[in-house]
C-alpha atoms as a PDB file:
ATOM      1  CA  MET A   1      68.777  98.593 108.550  1.00  0.00           C
ATOM      2  CA  ILE A   2      72.472  98.273 107.776  1.00  0.00           C
ATOM      3  CA  THR A   3      74.355  95.004 107.413  1.00  0.00           C
ATOM      4  CA  LEU A   4      77.568  94.186 109.212  1.00  0.00           C
ATOM      5  CA  GLU A   5      79.375  91.174 107.808  1.00  0.00           C
ATOM      6  CA  LEU A   6      82.089  89.673 109.968  1.00  0.00           C
ATOM      7  CA  PHE A   7      84.474  87.451 108.043  1.00  0.00           C
ATOM      8  CA  VAL A   8      86.445  85.024 110.192  1.00  0.00           C
ATOM      9  CA  SER A   9      88.906  82.233 109.601  1.00  0.00           C
ATOM     10  CA  HIS A  10      89.047  78.973 111.524  1.00  0.00           C
ATOM     11  CA  ARG A  11      92.844  79.462 111.555  1.00  0.00           C
ATOM     12  CA  CYS A  12      92.634  82.835 113.320  1.00  0.00           C
ATOM     13  CA  ILE A  13      93.131  82.933 117.083  1.00  0.00           C
ATOM     14  CA  SER A  14      90.948  86.036 117.423  1.00  0.00           C
ATOM     15  CA  THR A  15      87.827  84.556 115.791  1.00  0.00           C
ATOM     16  CA  LEU A  16      85.899  84.111 119.038  1.00  0.00           C
ATOM     17  CA  SER A  17      86.787  87.541 120.398  1.00  0.00           C
ATOM     18  CA  ALA A  18      85.875  89.167 117.045  1.00  0.00           C
ATOM     19  CA  ILE A  19      82.474  87.460 117.104  1.00  0.00           C
ATOM     20  CA  ALA A  20      81.924  88.615 120.702  1.00  0.00           C
ATOM     21  CA  LEU A  21      82.892  92.175 119.738  1.00  0.00           C
ATOM     22  CA  ALA A  22      80.526  92.202 116.753  1.00  0.00           C
ATOM     23  CA  GLU A  23      77.653  90.769 118.800  1.00  0.00           C
ATOM     24  CA  LYS A  24      78.213  93.309 121.562  1.00  0.00           C
ATOM     25  CA  GLY A  25      78.277  96.143 119.026  1.00  0.00           C
ATOM     26  CA  VAL A  26      75.034  95.175 117.300  1.00  0.00           C
ATOM     27  CA  ARG A  27      73.295  94.727 120.665  1.00  0.00           C
ATOM     28  CA  GLN A  28      74.192  98.313 121.546  1.00  0.00           C
ATOM     29  CA  VAL A  29      73.283  99.818 118.171  1.00  0.00           C
ATOM     30  CA  PRO A  30      69.745  99.087 116.943  1.00  0.00           C
ATOM     31  CA  GLY A  31      69.352  98.888 113.188  1.00  0.00           C
ATOM     32  CA  VAL A  32      72.394  96.716 112.468  1.00  0.00           C
ATOM     33  CA  ASN A  33      72.039  93.201 111.107  1.00  0.00           C
ATOM     34  CA  LEU A  34      75.025  90.916 111.799  1.00  0.00           C
ATOM     35  CA  ILE A  35      76.054  88.144 109.413  1.00  0.00           C
ATOM     36  CA  ILE A  36      79.039  85.988 110.321  1.00  0.00           C
ATOM     37  CA  ARG A  37      80.816  84.563 107.304  1.00  0.00           C
ATOM     38  CA  SER A  38      83.760  82.251 106.711  1.00  0.00           C
ATOM     39  CA  ASP A  39      86.934  83.247 104.911  1.00  0.00           C
ATOM     40  CA  ILE A  40      86.308  80.475 102.392  1.00  0.00           C
ATOM     41  CA  GLU A  41      83.020  81.942 101.158  1.00  0.00           C
ATOM     42  CA  PRO A  42      83.123  83.446  97.663  1.00  0.00           C
ATOM     43  CA  ARG A  43      81.984  86.803  99.124  1.00  0.00           C
ATOM     44  CA  ALA A  44      85.300  87.113 101.007  1.00  0.00           C
ATOM     45  CA  ARG A  45      87.220  86.642  97.795  1.00  0.00           C
ATOM     46  CA  SER A  46      85.005  89.074  95.876  1.00  0.00           C
ATOM     47  CA  LEU A  47      85.831  91.770  98.461  1.00  0.00           C
ATOM     48  CA  GLY A  48      89.548  90.993  98.168  1.00  0.00           C
ATOM     49  CA  LEU A  49      89.880  89.979 101.814  1.00  0.00           C
ATOM     50  CA  PHE A  50      92.940  88.031 102.867  1.00  0.00           C
ATOM     51  CA  THR A  51      93.386  89.095 106.502  1.00  0.00           C
ATOM     52  CA  TYR A  52      90.926  88.133 109.214  1.00  0.00           C
ATOM     53  CA  PRO A  53      88.845  89.000 111.083  1.00  0.00           C
ATOM     54  CA  ALA A  54      87.395  91.536 108.659  1.00  0.00           C
ATOM     55  CA  PHE A  55      84.413  93.768 109.400  1.00  0.00           C
ATOM     56  CA  VAL A  56      82.415  94.853 106.331  1.00  0.00           C
ATOM     57  CA  LEU A  57      79.630  97.388 106.734  1.00  0.00           C
ATOM     58  CA  ASP A  58      77.110  97.681 103.906  1.00  0.00           C
ATOM     59  CA  GLY A  59      79.671  96.334 101.457  1.00  0.00           C
ATOM     60  CA  GLU A  60      82.571  98.557 102.558  1.00  0.00           C
ATOM     61  CA  ILE A  61      85.518  97.271 104.562  1.00  0.00           C
ATOM     62  CA  LEU A  62      85.274  98.877 107.985  1.00  0.00           C
ATOM     63  CA  ALA A  63      88.201  97.203 109.735  1.00  0.00           C
ATOM     64  CA  VAL A  64      90.639  94.356 109.393  1.00  0.00           C
ATOM     65  CA  GLY A  65      91.591  93.010 112.776  1.00  0.00           C
ATOM     66  CA  GLU A  66      89.681  93.942 115.892  1.00  0.00           C
ATOM     67  CA  PRO A  67      88.814  97.585 116.417  1.00  0.00           C
ATOM     68  CA  LYS A  68      88.389  98.983 119.914  1.00  0.00           C
ATOM     69  CA  LEU A  69      84.809  98.481 121.084  1.00  0.00           C
ATOM     70  CA  GLU A  70      84.195 102.196 121.703  1.00  0.00           C
ATOM     71  CA  HIS A  71      85.322 103.165 118.190  1.00  0.00           C
ATOM     72  CA  PHE A  72      83.400 100.290 116.653  1.00  0.00           C
ATOM     73  CA  ILE A  73      80.144 101.264 118.367  1.00  0.00           C
ATOM     74  CA  GLN A  74      80.650 104.929 117.506  1.00  0.00           C
ATOM     75  CA  PHE A  75      81.150 104.102 113.838  1.00  0.00           C
ATOM     76  CA  LEU A  76      78.094 101.813 113.759  1.00  0.00           C
ATOM     77  CA  ARG A  77      75.967 104.579 115.300  1.00  0.00           C
ATOM     78  CA  GLN A  78      77.211 107.107 112.761  1.00  0.00           C
ATOM     79  CA  LYS A  79      76.388 104.782 109.872  1.00  0.00           C
ATOM     80  CA  VAL A  80      72.881 104.098 111.201  1.00  0.00           C
ATOM     81  CA  GLU A  81      72.266 107.833 111.658  1.00  0.00           C
ATOM     82  CA  GLN A  82      73.524 108.576 108.132  1.00  0.00           C
ATOM     83  CA  LYS A  83      71.271 105.902 106.672  1.00  0.00           C
ATOM     84  CA  ASN A  84      68.292 107.244 108.616  1.00  0.00           C
ATOM     85  CA  ILE A  85      68.953 110.807 107.407  1.00  0.00           C
ATOM     86  CA  VAL A  86      69.231 109.662 103.781  1.00  0.00           C
ATOM     87  CA  GLY A  87      66.018 107.654 104.179  1.00  0.00           C
ATOM     88  CA  MET A  88      64.170 110.678 105.563  1.00  0.00           C
ATOM     89  CA  LYS A  89      65.356 112.854 102.664  1.00  0.00           C
ATOM     90  CA  GLU A  90      64.187 110.260 100.163  1.00  0.00           C
ATOM     91  CA  ASP A  91      60.749 110.210 101.799  1.00  0.00           C
ATOM     92  CA  LEU A  92      60.340 113.972 101.290  1.00  0.00           C
END
């Protein structure tokens, strides 16, 4: 399982569309856990975020702003596949 954190700001006009995009992406890609976080949480500051929405995948900044759905889903799938391959190698 990989974790997608979506950081949003109540001041951002694209908050609702970013949440919809993230939810649509995780519905289409099994193995992704979505956590929606506020820009005022300490985690946002620890990652150095100052522009929102921000998509963080397993601790790495994936995108700031809204990516195109097709690219977003493709990247999520690649990350899940990579994690599964690494997990299989570790089991050997």
